[in-house]
N, C-alpha and C. Protein backbone atom coordinates (compact mmCIF):
# COMPACT_ATOMS: atom_id res chain seq x y z
N MET A 1 0.83 -1.18 0.00
CA MET A 1 0.00 0.00 0.00
C MET A 1 0.88 1.25 0.00
N TYR A 2 0.29 2.39 -0.15
CA TYR A 2 1.05 3.62 -0.23
C TYR A 2 0.58 4.62 0.81
N LYS A 3 1.41 5.62 1.04
CA LYS A 3 1.02 6.68 1.96
C LYS A 3 -0.08 7.50 1.31
N GLU A 4 -1.04 7.88 2.11
CA GLU A 4 -2.20 8.58 1.58
C GLU A 4 -1.90 10.01 1.16
N ASN A 5 -0.82 10.60 1.64
CA ASN A 5 -0.57 12.00 1.31
C ASN A 5 0.37 12.19 0.13
N ARG A 6 0.74 11.12 -0.54
CA ARG A 6 1.55 11.23 -1.76
C ARG A 6 0.64 11.39 -2.95
N LEU A 7 1.10 12.16 -3.93
CA LEU A 7 0.32 12.36 -5.14
C LEU A 7 0.89 11.52 -6.27
N THR A 8 0.00 10.99 -7.10
CA THR A 8 0.46 10.25 -8.27
C THR A 8 0.89 11.25 -9.34
N ARG A 9 1.59 10.79 -10.33
CA ARG A 9 2.01 11.68 -11.41
C ARG A 9 0.80 12.20 -12.18
N PHE A 10 -0.27 11.44 -12.21
CA PHE A 10 -1.48 11.88 -12.90
C PHE A 10 -2.17 12.99 -12.12
N GLU A 11 -2.18 12.87 -10.80
CA GLU A 11 -2.77 13.91 -9.96
C GLU A 11 -1.95 15.20 -10.07
N ARG A 12 -0.64 15.07 -10.07
CA ARG A 12 0.22 16.24 -10.23
C ARG A 12 -0.05 16.94 -11.56
N ALA A 13 -0.12 16.17 -12.62
CA ALA A 13 -0.36 16.74 -13.95
C ALA A 13 -1.72 17.42 -14.01
N ARG A 14 -2.70 16.81 -13.41
CA ARG A 14 -4.06 17.38 -13.42
C ARG A 14 -4.10 18.69 -12.64
N ILE A 15 -3.44 18.74 -11.51
CA ILE A 15 -3.42 19.94 -10.68
C ILE A 15 -2.70 21.08 -11.40
N ILE A 16 -1.53 20.78 -11.95
CA ILE A 16 -0.76 21.82 -12.64
C ILE A 16 -1.49 22.29 -13.89
N GLY A 17 -2.10 21.37 -14.63
CA GLY A 17 -2.86 21.75 -15.82
C GLY A 17 -4.06 22.61 -15.50
N ALA A 18 -4.80 22.24 -14.47
CA ALA A 18 -5.98 23.02 -14.07
C ALA A 18 -5.58 24.40 -13.58
N ARG A 19 -4.51 24.45 -12.80
CA ARG A 19 -4.07 25.75 -12.27
C ARG A 19 -3.52 26.64 -13.38
N SER A 20 -2.80 26.07 -14.34
CA SER A 20 -2.28 26.88 -15.44
C SER A 20 -3.41 27.44 -16.30
N LEU A 21 -4.48 26.66 -16.46
CA LEU A 21 -5.66 27.16 -17.18
C LEU A 21 -6.29 28.32 -16.42
N GLN A 22 -6.41 28.18 -15.10
CA GLN A 22 -6.97 29.26 -14.29
C GLN A 22 -6.14 30.53 -14.43
N ILE A 23 -4.82 30.39 -14.38
CA ILE A 23 -3.93 31.55 -14.50
C ILE A 23 -4.07 32.20 -15.86
N SER A 24 -4.13 31.39 -16.91
CA SER A 24 -4.25 31.94 -18.27
C SER A 24 -5.59 32.64 -18.48
N MET A 25 -6.60 32.28 -17.68
CA MET A 25 -7.91 32.92 -17.78
C MET A 25 -8.03 34.14 -16.86
N GLY A 26 -6.95 34.49 -16.17
CA GLY A 26 -6.95 35.71 -15.38
C GLY A 26 -7.01 35.55 -13.87
N ALA A 27 -6.88 34.34 -13.37
CA ALA A 27 -6.89 34.13 -11.92
C ALA A 27 -5.65 34.79 -11.30
N PRO A 28 -5.77 35.26 -10.07
CA PRO A 28 -4.60 35.88 -9.44
C PRO A 28 -3.49 34.87 -9.17
N VAL A 29 -2.26 35.32 -9.34
CA VAL A 29 -1.09 34.48 -9.11
C VAL A 29 -0.75 34.54 -7.63
N LEU A 30 -0.42 33.40 -7.03
CA LEU A 30 -0.24 33.29 -5.60
C LEU A 30 1.22 33.26 -5.16
N VAL A 31 2.15 33.50 -6.07
CA VAL A 31 3.58 33.53 -5.74
C VAL A 31 4.19 34.78 -6.36
N LYS A 32 5.35 35.16 -5.84
CA LYS A 32 6.07 36.29 -6.43
C LYS A 32 6.75 35.82 -7.71
N LEU A 33 6.66 36.66 -8.73
CA LEU A 33 7.23 36.31 -10.03
C LEU A 33 8.35 37.24 -10.41
N GLY A 34 9.27 36.70 -11.19
CA GLY A 34 10.31 37.53 -11.79
C GLY A 34 9.73 38.24 -13.01
N LYS A 35 10.48 39.17 -13.56
CA LYS A 35 9.99 39.94 -14.71
C LYS A 35 9.81 39.09 -15.95
N SER A 36 10.57 38.01 -16.05
CA SER A 36 10.53 37.19 -17.26
C SER A 36 9.55 36.03 -17.16
N GLU A 37 8.93 35.82 -16.02
CA GLU A 37 8.02 34.69 -15.84
C GLU A 37 6.61 35.08 -16.28
N ILE A 38 6.22 34.58 -17.45
CA ILE A 38 4.88 34.88 -17.95
C ILE A 38 4.12 33.63 -18.39
N ASP A 39 4.81 32.51 -18.50
CA ASP A 39 4.17 31.27 -18.95
C ASP A 39 3.27 30.71 -17.84
N PRO A 40 1.98 30.53 -18.10
CA PRO A 40 1.07 30.03 -17.06
C PRO A 40 1.46 28.67 -16.50
N THR A 41 2.03 27.79 -17.33
CA THR A 41 2.42 26.47 -16.85
C THR A 41 3.60 26.57 -15.88
N GLU A 42 4.57 27.40 -16.21
CA GLU A 42 5.71 27.58 -15.31
C GLU A 42 5.28 28.21 -13.98
N ILE A 43 4.34 29.14 -14.05
CA ILE A 43 3.81 29.77 -12.83
C ILE A 43 3.07 28.73 -12.00
N ALA A 44 2.28 27.88 -12.65
CA ALA A 44 1.54 26.84 -11.93
C ALA A 44 2.50 25.84 -11.28
N VAL A 45 3.57 25.49 -11.94
CA VAL A 45 4.57 24.58 -11.35
C VAL A 45 5.22 25.24 -10.14
N LYS A 46 5.53 26.52 -10.26
CA LYS A 46 6.14 27.24 -9.13
C LYS A 46 5.17 27.29 -7.95
N GLU A 47 3.91 27.55 -8.20
CA GLU A 47 2.90 27.55 -7.13
C GLU A 47 2.79 26.16 -6.51
N PHE A 48 2.82 25.14 -7.33
CA PHE A 48 2.73 23.76 -6.83
C PHE A 48 3.91 23.43 -5.92
N LYS A 49 5.11 23.80 -6.34
CA LYS A 49 6.31 23.51 -5.54
C LYS A 49 6.31 24.29 -4.24
N GLU A 50 5.74 25.49 -4.24
CA GLU A 50 5.68 26.31 -3.03
C GLU A 50 4.43 26.02 -2.19
N ARG A 51 3.64 25.06 -2.63
CA ARG A 51 2.44 24.60 -1.91
C ARG A 51 1.40 25.69 -1.71
N THR A 52 1.23 26.55 -2.69
CA THR A 52 0.23 27.61 -2.58
C THR A 52 -0.99 27.35 -3.46
N VAL A 53 -1.03 26.24 -4.14
CA VAL A 53 -2.15 25.90 -5.01
C VAL A 53 -3.38 25.63 -4.14
N PRO A 54 -4.46 26.36 -4.35
CA PRO A 54 -5.65 26.18 -3.51
C PRO A 54 -6.54 25.03 -3.98
N MET A 55 -6.02 23.83 -3.94
CA MET A 55 -6.77 22.67 -4.41
C MET A 55 -6.57 21.49 -3.47
N THR A 56 -7.50 20.55 -3.54
CA THR A 56 -7.38 19.28 -2.83
C THR A 56 -7.68 18.16 -3.81
N VAL A 57 -7.18 16.98 -3.50
CA VAL A 57 -7.42 15.80 -4.31
C VAL A 57 -8.31 14.87 -3.49
N ILE A 58 -9.37 14.38 -4.11
CA ILE A 58 -10.25 13.43 -3.44
C ILE A 58 -10.17 12.12 -4.22
N ARG A 59 -9.69 11.09 -3.55
CA ARG A 59 -9.58 9.76 -4.17
C ARG A 59 -10.76 8.92 -3.71
N ARG A 60 -11.40 8.30 -4.66
CA ARG A 60 -12.51 7.42 -4.34
C ARG A 60 -12.24 6.04 -4.94
N ALA A 61 -12.40 5.03 -4.14
CA ALA A 61 -12.25 3.66 -4.61
C ALA A 61 -13.49 2.88 -4.19
N GLN A 62 -13.91 2.00 -5.03
CA GLN A 62 -15.11 1.23 -4.75
C GLN A 62 -14.94 0.43 -3.46
N GLY A 63 -15.90 0.56 -2.57
CA GLY A 63 -15.87 -0.19 -1.33
C GLY A 63 -15.00 0.41 -0.25
N GLN A 64 -14.44 1.60 -0.48
CA GLN A 64 -13.59 2.25 0.50
C GLN A 64 -14.07 3.68 0.73
N ASP A 65 -13.66 4.25 1.85
CA ASP A 65 -13.97 5.64 2.12
C ASP A 65 -13.12 6.53 1.22
N ALA A 66 -13.65 7.73 0.93
CA ALA A 66 -12.90 8.69 0.13
C ALA A 66 -11.70 9.22 0.93
N ILE A 67 -10.60 9.44 0.23
CA ILE A 67 -9.38 9.98 0.84
C ILE A 67 -9.19 11.39 0.28
N THR A 68 -9.06 12.35 1.17
CA THR A 68 -8.84 13.74 0.76
C THR A 68 -7.40 14.12 1.07
N VAL A 69 -6.71 14.64 0.05
CA VAL A 69 -5.31 15.07 0.21
C VAL A 69 -5.25 16.56 -0.09
N ASP A 70 -4.86 17.34 0.90
CA ASP A 70 -4.67 18.77 0.70
C ASP A 70 -3.27 18.99 0.13
N ILE A 71 -3.18 19.83 -0.89
CA ILE A 71 -1.89 20.03 -1.56
C ILE A 71 -0.86 20.62 -0.59
N SER A 72 -1.30 21.48 0.32
CA SER A 72 -0.36 22.10 1.25
C SER A 72 0.25 21.09 2.22
N GLU A 73 -0.39 19.93 2.39
CA GLU A 73 0.12 18.90 3.29
C GLU A 73 0.65 17.67 2.56
N ALA A 74 0.60 17.67 1.24
CA ALA A 74 0.99 16.50 0.46
C ALA A 74 2.50 16.33 0.44
N ASP A 75 2.92 15.10 0.27
CA ASP A 75 4.33 14.76 0.13
C ASP A 75 4.71 14.98 -1.33
N LEU A 76 5.41 16.08 -1.60
CA LEU A 76 5.76 16.44 -2.97
C LEU A 76 7.13 15.92 -3.38
N GLU A 77 7.86 15.34 -2.45
CA GLU A 77 9.21 14.89 -2.75
C GLU A 77 9.22 13.54 -3.49
N THR A 78 8.24 12.71 -3.23
CA THR A 78 8.20 11.39 -3.87
C THR A 78 6.92 11.27 -4.69
N MET A 79 6.99 10.48 -5.72
CA MET A 79 5.83 10.27 -6.56
C MET A 79 5.41 8.82 -6.53
N LEU A 80 4.13 8.60 -6.72
CA LEU A 80 3.60 7.24 -6.88
C LEU A 80 3.51 6.94 -8.36
N TYR A 81 3.70 5.70 -8.72
CA TYR A 81 3.56 5.30 -10.11
C TYR A 81 2.46 4.30 -10.26
């Protein structure tokens, strides 16, 4: 089994993709940026690494209780495959 607070690579991709879309549509940026940082995907990755992404992951499996993982508390150092 795995630790419940680790994110899979698919969850990471989904979070970064959703956040980059939000940024490109005009959502406020939650980290300090340099003058050359304008790419929404790079900004979303920076927010993800700094744990400022305002999202949670809810995992549901048949016959089990739902598991909620808050990004600010997730283990970002290791990935599940």
